Amino acid sequence: MEKVLDEAYYKLLHELQAVDFVLVELNLYLDTHPTDSDAIQQYNHFAELRQRIANHYESQYGPLMHFGHSYSKSPWQWNEAPWPWQV
């Protein structure tokens, strides 16, 4: 049975991808500018934002990451498709 996904699913996933992109770019920048306190503050801000978005996503649609990085409701949710990387 294929799960029907609403527009909010795609909106949250898009927000998460955008924040992940910012975090990767800030991470790369901070690798070469480790004392830039403004960049560190931005990184921490976006890390917190990512956590909030991910928590909201997971509460509505299930886990994003495996191996203990995300919780699963009962019954086990990892066999429910589509997974975030499949859309």
PDB file of N, CA and C in Angstrom:
ATOM      1  N   MET A   1       0.839  -1.181   0.000  1.00  0.00           N
ATOM      2  CA  MET A   1       0.000   0.000   0.000  1.00  0.00           C
ATOM      3  C   MET A   1       0.885   1.247   0.000  1.00  0.00           C
ATOM      4  N   GLU A   2       0.667   2.118  -0.933  1.00  0.00           N
ATOM      5  CA  GLU A   2       1.455   3.336  -1.043  1.00  0.00           C
ATOM      6  C   GLU A   2       0.867   4.430  -0.165  1.00  0.00           C
ATOM      7  N   LYS A   3       1.731   5.071   0.600  1.00  0.00           N
ATOM      8  CA  LYS A   3       1.317   6.140   1.494  1.00  0.00           C
ATOM      9  C   LYS A   3       1.083   7.418   0.690  1.00  0.00           C
ATOM     10  N   VAL A   4      -0.022   8.105   0.959  1.00  0.00           N
ATOM     11  CA  VAL A   4      -0.318   9.379   0.313  1.00  0.00           C
ATOM     12  C   VAL A   4       0.329  10.482   1.141  1.00  0.00           C
ATOM     13  N   LEU A   5       1.101  11.332   0.458  1.00  0.00           N
ATOM     14  CA  LEU A   5       1.827  12.394   1.149  1.00  0.00           C
ATOM     15  C   LEU A   5       1.202  13.737   0.832  1.00  0.00           C
ATOM     16  N   ASP A   6       1.004  14.533   1.886  1.00  0.00           N
ATOM     17  CA  ASP A   6       0.408  15.851   1.700  1.00  0.00           C
ATOM     18  C   ASP A   6       1.490  16.889   1.394  1.00  0.00           C
ATOM     19  N   GLU A   7       1.065  18.103   1.107  1.00  0.00           N
ATOM     20  CA  GLU A   7       2.006  19.163   0.753  1.00  0.00           C
ATOM     21  C   GLU A   7       2.927  19.512   1.917  1.00  0.00           C
ATOM     22  N   ALA A   8       2.449  19.372   3.139  1.00  0.00           N
ATOM     23  CA  ALA A   8       3.275  19.673   4.313  1.00  0.00           C
ATOM     24  C   ALA A   8       4.494  18.756   4.386  1.00  0.00           C
ATOM     25  N   TYR A   9       4.352  17.520   3.936  1.00  0.00           N
ATOM     26  CA  TYR A   9       5.472  16.575   3.901  1.00  0.00           C
ATOM     27  C   TYR A   9       6.606  17.154   3.054  1.00  0.00           C
ATOM     28  N   TYR A  10       6.261  17.573   1.848  1.00  0.00           N
ATOM     29  CA  TYR A  10       7.264  18.093   0.930  1.00  0.00           C
ATOM     30  C   TYR A  10       7.827  19.431   1.412  1.00  0.00           C
ATOM     31  N   LYS A  11       6.999  20.240   2.057  1.00  0.00           N
ATOM     32  CA  LYS A  11       7.462  21.526   2.590  1.00  0.00           C
ATOM     33  C   LYS A  11       8.500  21.295   3.687  1.00  0.00           C
ATOM     34  N   LEU A  12       8.213  20.392   4.621  1.00  0.00           N
ATOM     35  CA  LEU A  12       9.165  20.098   5.692  1.00  0.00           C
ATOM     36  C   LEU A  12      10.450  19.500   5.141  1.00  0.00           C
ATOM     37  N   LEU A  13      10.323  18.595   4.187  1.00  0.00           N
ATOM     38  CA  LEU A  13      11.497  17.975   3.598  1.00  0.00           C
ATOM     39  C   LEU A  13      12.352  19.017   2.872  1.00  0.00           C
ATOM     40  N   HIS A  14      11.714  19.940   2.175  1.00  0.00           N
ATOM     41  CA  HIS A  14      12.443  21.004   1.490  1.00  0.00           C
ATOM     42  C   HIS A  14      13.142  21.914   2.501  1.00  0.00           C
ATOM     43  N   GLU A  15      12.468  22.273   3.578  1.00  0.00           N
ATOM     44  CA  GLU A  15      13.083  23.110   4.621  1.00  0.00           C
ATOM     45  C   GLU A  15      14.297  22.399   5.220  1.00  0.00           C
ATOM     46  N   LEU A  16      14.155  21.123   5.464  1.00  0.00           N
ATOM     47  CA  LEU A  16      15.244  20.341   6.037  1.00  0.00           C
ATOM     48  C   LEU A  16      16.435  20.298   5.081  1.00  0.00           C
ATOM     49  N   GLN A  17      16.178  20.109   3.805  1.00  0.00           N
ATOM     50  CA  GLN A  17      17.259  20.080   2.819  1.00  0.00           C
ATOM     51  C   GLN A  17      17.954  21.430   2.717  1.00  0.00           C
ATOM     52  N   ALA A  18      17.196  22.513   2.785  1.00  0.00           N
ATOM     53  CA  ALA A  18      17.784  23.854   2.713  1.00  0.00           C
ATOM     54  C   ALA A  18      18.676  24.115   3.923  1.00  0.00           C
ATOM     55  N   VAL A  19      18.200  23.757   5.101  1.00  0.00           N
ATOM     56  CA  VAL A  19      18.993  23.959   6.319  1.00  0.00           C
ATOM     57  C   VAL A  19      20.228  23.064   6.289  1.00  0.00           C
ATOM     58  N   ASP A  20      20.088  21.838   5.818  1.00  0.00           N
ATOM     59  CA  ASP A  20      21.247  20.944   5.694  1.00  0.00           C
ATOM     60  C   ASP A  20      22.299  21.554   4.768  1.00  0.00           C
ATOM     61  N   PHE A  21      21.865  22.169   3.672  1.00  0.00           N
ATOM     62  CA  PHE A  21      22.796  22.809   2.749  1.00  0.00           C
ATOM     63  C   PHE A  21      23.565  23.931   3.453  1.00  0.00           C
ATOM     64  N   VAL A  22      22.843  24.761   4.197  1.00  0.00           N
ATOM     65  CA  VAL A  22      23.494  25.850   4.935  1.00  0.00           C
ATOM     66  C   VAL A  22      24.508  25.288   5.927  1.00  0.00           C
ATOM     67  N   LEU A  23      24.126  24.216   6.627  1.00  0.00           N
ATOM     68  CA  LEU A  23      25.032  23.626   7.615  1.00  0.00           C
ATOM     69  C   LEU A  23      26.289  23.058   6.966  1.00  0.00           C
ATOM     70  N   VAL A  24      26.160  22.424   5.811  1.00  0.00           N
ATOM     71  CA  VAL A  24      27.335  21.898   5.111  1.00  0.00           C
ATOM     72  C   VAL A  24      28.262  23.045   4.704  1.00  0.00           C
ATOM     73  N   GLU A  25      27.682  24.097   4.140  1.00  0.00           N
ATOM     74  CA  GLU A  25      28.497  25.240   3.711  1.00  0.00           C
ATOM     75  C   GLU A  25      29.190  25.907   4.900  1.00  0.00           C
ATOM     76  N   LEU A  26      28.464  26.101   5.996  1.00  0.00           N
ATOM     77  CA  LEU A  26      29.085  26.694   7.187  1.00  0.00           C
ATOM     78  C   LEU A  26      30.165  25.779   7.752  1.00  0.00           C
ATOM     79  N   ASN A  27      29.931  24.485   7.721  1.00  0.00           N
ATOM     80  CA  ASN A  27      30.921  23.523   8.200  1.00  0.00           C
ATOM     81  C   ASN A  27      32.207  23.637   7.381  1.00  0.00           C
ATOM     82  N   LEU A  28      32.075  23.696   6.068  1.00  0.00           N
ATOM     83  CA  LEU A  28      33.247  23.835   5.202  1.00  0.00           C
ATOM     84  C   LEU A  28      33.977  25.156   5.469  1.00  0.00           C
ATOM     85  N   TYR A  29      33.218  26.221   5.620  1.00  0.00           N
ATOM     86  CA  TYR A  29      33.815  27.525   5.914  1.00  0.00           C
ATOM     87  C   TYR A  29      34.572  27.488   7.242  1.00  0.00           C
ATOM     88  N   LEU A  30      33.935  26.907   8.254  1.00  0.00           N
ATOM     89  CA  LEU A  30      34.549  26.870   9.582  1.00  0.00           C
ATOM     90  C   LEU A  30      35.780  25.964   9.627  1.00  0.00           C
ATOM     91  N   ASP A  31      35.881  25.024   8.695  1.00  0.00           N
ATOM     92  CA  ASP A  31      37.097  24.208   8.626  1.00  0.00           C
ATOM     93  C   ASP A  31      38.315  25.075   8.323  1.00  0.00           C
ATOM     94  N   THR A  32      38.109  26.158   7.602  1.00  0.00           N
ATOM     95  CA  THR A  32      39.227  27.032   7.243  1.00  0.00           C
ATOM     96  C   THR A  32      39.235  28.343   8.034  1.00  0.00           C
ATOM     97  N   HIS A  33      38.161  28.618   8.760  1.00  0.00           N
ATOM     98  CA  HIS A  33      38.054  29.845   9.566  1.00  0.00           C
ATOM     99  C   HIS A  33      37.513  29.489  10.967  1.00  0.00           C
ATOM    100  N   PRO A  34      38.251  28.686  11.716  1.00  0.00           N
ATOM    101  CA  PRO A  34      37.729  28.142  12.973  1.00  0.00           C
ATOM    102  C   PRO A  34      37.493  29.154  14.090  1.00  0.00           C
ATOM    103  N   THR A  35      37.988  30.370  13.935  1.00  0.00           N
ATOM    104  CA  THR A  35      37.796  31.368  14.995  1.00  0.00           C
ATOM    105  C   THR A  35      36.744  32.406  14.649  1.00  0.00           C
ATOM    106  N   ASP A  36      36.025  32.219  13.547  1.00  0.00           N
ATOM    107  CA  ASP A  36      34.987  33.176  13.124  1.00  0.00           C
ATOM    108  C   ASP A  36      33.752  32.976  14.004  1.00  0.00           C
ATOM    109  N   SER A  37      33.636  33.802  15.025  1.00  0.00           N
ATOM    110  CA  SER A  37      32.557  33.620  16.003  1.00  0.00           C
ATOM    111  C   SER A  37      31.176  33.856  15.389  1.00  0.00           C
ATOM    112  N   ASP A  38      31.069  34.750  14.405  1.00  0.00           N
ATOM    113  CA  ASP A  38      29.772  34.962  13.742  1.00  0.00           C
ATOM    114  C   ASP A  38      29.339  33.703  12.997  1.00  0.00           C
ATOM    115  N   ALA A  39      30.271  33.075  12.304  1.00  0.00           N
ATOM    116  CA  ALA A  39      29.950  31.849  11.574  1.00  0.00           C
ATOM    117  C   ALA A  39      29.592  30.721  12.544  1.00  0.00           C
ATOM    118  N   ILE A  40      30.289  30.648  13.663  1.00  0.00           N
ATOM    119  CA  ILE A  40      29.970  29.633  14.674  1.00  0.00           C
ATOM    120  C   ILE A  40      28.560  29.868  15.213  1.00  0.00           C
ATOM    121  N   GLN A  41      28.226  31.125  15.462  1.00  0.00           N
ATOM    122  CA  GLN A  41      26.886  31.457  15.948  1.00  0.00           C
ATOM    123  C   GLN A  41      25.834  31.071  14.904  1.00  0.00           C
ATOM    124  N   GLN A  42      26.111  31.370  13.632  1.00  0.00           N
ATOM    125  CA  GLN A  42      25.181  30.969  12.570  1.00  0.00           C
ATOM    126  C   GLN A  42      25.049  29.457  12.500  1.00  0.00           C
ATOM    127  N   TYR A  43      26.170  28.752  12.581  1.00  0.00           N
ATOM    128  CA  TYR A  43      26.140  27.293  12.537  1.00  0.00           C
ATOM    129  C   TYR A  43      25.264  26.741  13.665  1.00  0.00           C
ATOM    130  N   ASN A  44      25.475  27.235  14.865  1.00  0.00           N
ATOM    131  CA  ASN A  44      24.693  26.754  16.006  1.00  0.00           C
ATOM    132  C   ASN A  44      23.213  27.088  15.856  1.00  0.00           C
ATOM    133  N   HIS A  45      22.919  28.258  15.312  1.00  0.00           N
ATOM    134  CA  HIS A  45      21.524  28.634  15.058  1.00  0.00           C
ATOM    135  C   HIS A  45      20.864  27.644  14.096  1.00  0.00           C
ATOM    136  N   PHE A  46      21.546  27.361  12.992  1.00  0.00           N
ATOM    137  CA  PHE A  46      20.973  26.458  11.997  1.00  0.00           C
ATOM    138  C   PHE A  46      20.949  25.009  12.484  1.00  0.00           C
ATOM    139  N   ALA A  47      21.898  24.633  13.318  1.00  0.00           N
ATOM    140  CA  ALA A  47      21.876  23.288  13.905  1.00  0.00           C
ATOM    141  C   ALA A  47      20.639  23.118  14.792  1.00  0.00           C
ATOM    142  N   GLU A  48      20.333  24.151  15.561  1.00  0.00           N
ATOM    143  CA  GLU A  48      19.133  24.116  16.407  1.00  0.00           C
ATOM    144  C   GLU A  48      17.862  24.115  15.551  1.00  0.00           C
ATOM    145  N   LEU A  49      17.845  24.937  14.514  1.00  0.00           N
ATOM    146  CA  LEU A  49      16.702  24.977  13.604  1.00  0.00           C
ATOM    147  C   LEU A  49      16.501  23.624  12.937  1.00  0.00           C
ATOM    148  N   ARG A  50      17.594  22.987  12.517  1.00  0.00           N
ATOM    149  CA  ARG A  50      17.496  21.677  11.893  1.00  0.00           C
ATOM    150  C   ARG A  50      16.869  20.664  12.844  1.00  0.00           C
ATOM    151  N   GLN A  51      17.290  20.709  14.090  1.00  0.00           N
ATOM    152  CA  GLN A  51      16.752  19.780  15.083  1.00  0.00           C
ATOM    153  C   GLN A  51      15.248  19.981  15.259  1.00  0.00           C
ATOM    154  N   ARG A  52      14.809  21.235  15.301  1.00  0.00           N
ATOM    155  CA  ARG A  52      13.370  21.505  15.450  1.00  0.00           C
ATOM    156  C   ARG A  52      12.592  21.006  14.235  1.00  0.00           C
ATOM    157  N   ILE A  53      13.107  21.286  13.032  1.00  0.00           N
ATOM    158  CA  ILE A  53      12.420  20.839  11.823  1.00  0.00           C
ATOM    159  C   ILE A  53      12.399  19.311  11.767  1.00  0.00           C
ATOM    160  N   ALA A  54      13.520  18.679  12.066  1.00  0.00           N
ATOM    161  CA  ALA A  54      13.599  17.217  12.030  1.00  0.00           C
ATOM    162  C   ALA A  54      12.646  16.599  13.048  1.00  0.00           C
ATOM    163  N   ASN A  55      12.580  17.166  14.249  1.00  0.00           N
ATOM    164  CA  ASN A  55      11.656  16.645  15.260  1.00  0.00           C
ATOM    165  C   ASN A  55      10.209  16.762  14.792  1.00  0.00           C
ATOM    166  N   HIS A  56       9.875  17.888  14.179  1.00  0.00           N
ATOM    167  CA  HIS A  56       8.513  18.071  13.665  1.00  0.00           C
ATOM    168  C   HIS A  56       8.229  17.079  12.544  1.00  0.00           C
ATOM    169  N   TYR A  57       9.166  16.937  11.615  1.00  0.00           N
ATOM    170  CA  TYR A  57       9.009  15.988  10.517  1.00  0.00           C
ATOM    171  C   TYR A  57       8.786  14.578  11.060  1.00  0.00           C
ATOM    172  N   GLU A  58       9.657  14.154  11.977  1.00  0.00           N
ATOM    173  CA  GLU A  58       9.574  12.785  12.500  1.00  0.00           C
ATOM    174  C   GLU A  58       8.295  12.546  13.285  1.00  0.00           C
ATOM    175  N   SER A  59       7.793  13.559  13.973  1.00  0.00           N
ATOM    176  CA  SER A  59       6.544  13.381  14.719  1.00  0.00           C
ATOM    177  C   SER A  59       5.360  13.183  13.779  1.00  0.00           C
ATOM    178  N   GLN A  60       5.462  13.747  12.567  1.00  0.00           N
ATOM    179  CA  GLN A  60       4.370  13.642  11.600  1.00  0.00           C
ATOM    180  C   GLN A  60       4.534  12.479  10.622  1.00  0.00           C
ATOM    181  N   TYR A  61       5.782  12.193  10.202  1.00  0.00           N
ATOM    182  CA  TYR A  61       5.986  11.282   9.081  1.00  0.00           C
ATOM    183  C   TYR A  61       6.919  10.113   9.348  1.00  0.00           C
ATOM    184  N   GLY A  62       7.521  10.056  10.521  1.00  0.00           N
ATOM    185  CA  GLY A  62       8.392   8.929  10.827  1.00  0.00           C
ATOM    186  C   GLY A  62       9.864   9.311  10.811  1.00  0.00           C
ATOM    187  N   PRO A  63      10.725   8.330  11.076  1.00  0.00           N
ATOM    188  CA  PRO A  63      12.144   8.599  11.260  1.00  0.00           C
ATOM    189  C   PRO A  63      12.852   9.030   9.977  1.00  0.00           C
ATOM    190  N   LEU A  64      13.869   9.877  10.162  1.00  0.00           N
ATOM    191  CA  LEU A  64      14.712  10.343   9.057  1.00  0.00           C
ATOM    192  C   LEU A  64      16.009   9.556   8.949  1.00  0.00           C
ATOM    193  N   MET A  65      16.578   9.175  10.088  1.00  0.00           N
ATOM    194  CA  MET A  65      17.875   8.504  10.104  1.00  0.00           C
ATOM    195  C   MET A  65      17.790   7.237  10.943  1.00  0.00           C
ATOM    196  N   HIS A  66      18.621   6.271  10.611  1.00  0.00           N
ATOM    197  CA  HIS A  66      18.607   5.005  11.332  1.00  0.00           C
ATOM    198  C   HIS A  66      19.778   4.908  12.305  1.00  0.00           C
ATOM    199  N   PHE A  67      20.010   3.748  12.836  1.00  0.00           N
ATOM    200  CA  PHE A  67      21.104   3.458  13.760  1.00  0.00           C
ATOM    201  C   PHE A  67      21.075   4.319  15.007  1.00  0.00           C
ATOM    202  N   GLY A  68      19.867   4.571  15.512  1.00  0.00           N
ATOM    203  CA  GLY A  68      19.728   5.270  16.773  1.00  0.00           C
ATOM    204  C   GLY A  68      19.671   6.782  16.687  1.00  0.00           C
ATOM    205  N   HIS A  69      19.752   7.343  15.482  1.00  0.00           N
ATOM    206  CA  HIS A  69      19.669   8.790  15.349  1.00  0.00           C
ATOM    207  C   HIS A  69      18.225   9.283  15.360  1.00  0.00           C
ATOM    208  N   SER A  70      17.288   8.405  15.108  1.00  0.00           N
ATOM    209  CA  SER A  70      15.864   8.742  15.127  1.00  0.00           C
ATOM    210  C   SER A  70      15.104   7.644  15.851  1.00  0.00           C
ATOM    211  N   TYR A  71      14.036   8.032  16.518  1.00  0.00           N
ATOM    212  CA  TYR A  71      13.189   7.066  17.201  1.00  0.00           C
ATOM    213  C   TYR A  71      12.142   6.523  16.237  1.00  0.00           C
ATOM    214  N   SER A  72      11.569   5.391  16.582  1.00  0.00           N
ATOM    215  CA  SER A  72      10.481   4.818  15.799  1.00  0.00           C
ATOM    216  C   SER A  72       9.290   4.611  16.709  1.00  0.00           C
ATOM    217  N   LYS A  73       8.119   4.931  16.188  1.00  0.00           N
ATOM    218  CA  LYS A  73       6.899   4.596  16.910  1.00  0.00           C
ATOM    219  C   LYS A  73       6.658   3.106  16.759  1.00  0.00           C
ATOM    220  N   SER A  74       5.697   2.590  17.466  1.00  0.00           N
ATOM    221  CA  SER A  74       5.321   1.196  17.336  1.00  0.00           C
ATOM    222  C   SER A  74       4.055   1.119  16.496  1.00  0.00           C
ATOM    223  N   PRO A  75       3.998   0.291  15.484  1.00  0.00           N
ATOM    224  CA  PRO A  75       4.996  -0.691  15.061  1.00  0.00           C
ATOM    225  C   PRO A  75       6.175  -0.037  14.370  1.00  0.00           C
ATOM    226  N   TRP A  76       7.224  -0.814  14.155  1.00  0.00           N
ATOM    227  CA  TRP A  76       8.459  -0.372  13.520  1.00  0.00           C
ATOM    228  C   TRP A  76       8.154   0.374  12.236  1.00  0.00           C
ATOM    229  N   GLN A  77       8.714   1.580  12.074  1.00  0.00           N
ATOM    230  CA  GLN A  77       8.357   2.436  10.953  1.00  0.00           C
ATOM    231  C   GLN A  77       9.307   2.360   9.763  1.00  0.00           C
ATOM    232  N   TRP A  78      10.427   1.682   9.911  1.00  0.00           N
ATOM    233  CA  TRP A  78      11.403   1.697   8.824  1.00  0.00           C
ATOM    234  C   TRP A  78      10.964   0.910   7.598  1.00  0.00           C
ATOM    235  N   ASN A  79       9.929   0.140   7.726  1.00  0.00           N
ATOM    236  CA  ASN A  79       9.459  -0.592   6.551  1.00  0.00           C
ATOM    237  C   ASN A  79       8.354   0.160   5.821  1.00  0.00           C
ATOM    238  N   GLU A  80       8.064   1.369   6.260  1.00  0.00           N
ATOM    239  CA  GLU A  80       7.049   2.197   5.611  1.00  0.00           C
ATOM    240  C   GLU A  80       7.700   3.111   4.579  1.00  0.00           C
ATOM    241  N   ALA A  81       7.291   2.992   3.367  1.00  0.00           N
ATOM    242  CA  ALA A  81       7.841   3.845   2.301  1.00  0.00           C
ATOM    243  C   ALA A  81       6.840   4.949   2.001  1.00  0.00           C
ATOM    244  N   PRO A  82       7.205   6.021   1.377  1.00  0.00           N
ATOM    245  CA  PRO A  82       8.558   6.272   0.884  1.00  0.00           C
ATOM    246  C   PRO A  82       9.446   6.826   1.977  1.00  0.00           C
ATOM    247  N   TRP A  83      10.719   6.555   1.847  1.00  0.00           N
ATOM    248  CA  TRP A  83      11.697   7.123   2.750  1.00  0.00           C
ATOM    249  C   TRP A  83      12.116   8.474   2.203  1.00  0.00           C
ATOM    250  N   PRO A  84      12.643   9.364   3.051  1.00  0.00           N
ATOM    251  CA  PRO A  84      12.963  10.719   2.584  1.00  0.00           C
ATOM    252  C   PRO A  84      13.850  10.746   1.345  1.00  0.00           C
ATOM    253  N   TRP A  85      14.733   9.801   1.187  1.00  0.00           N
ATOM    254  CA  TRP A  85      15.637   9.811   0.028  1.00  0.00           C
ATOM    255  C   TRP A  85      14.990   9.217  -1.217  1.00  0.00           C
ATOM    256  N   GLN A  86      13.731   8.781  -1.115  1.00  0.00           N
ATOM    257  CA  GLN A  86      13.053   8.202  -2.261  1.00  0.00           C
ATOM    258  C   GLN A  86      12.117   9.199  -2.957  1.00  0.00           C
ATOM    259  N   VAL A  87      11.929  10.360  -2.385  1.00  0.00           N
ATOM    260  CA  VAL A  87      11.001  11.327  -3.002  1.00  0.00           C
ATOM    261  C   VAL A  87      11.750  12.431  -3.706  1.00  0.00           C
TER     262      VAL A  87
END
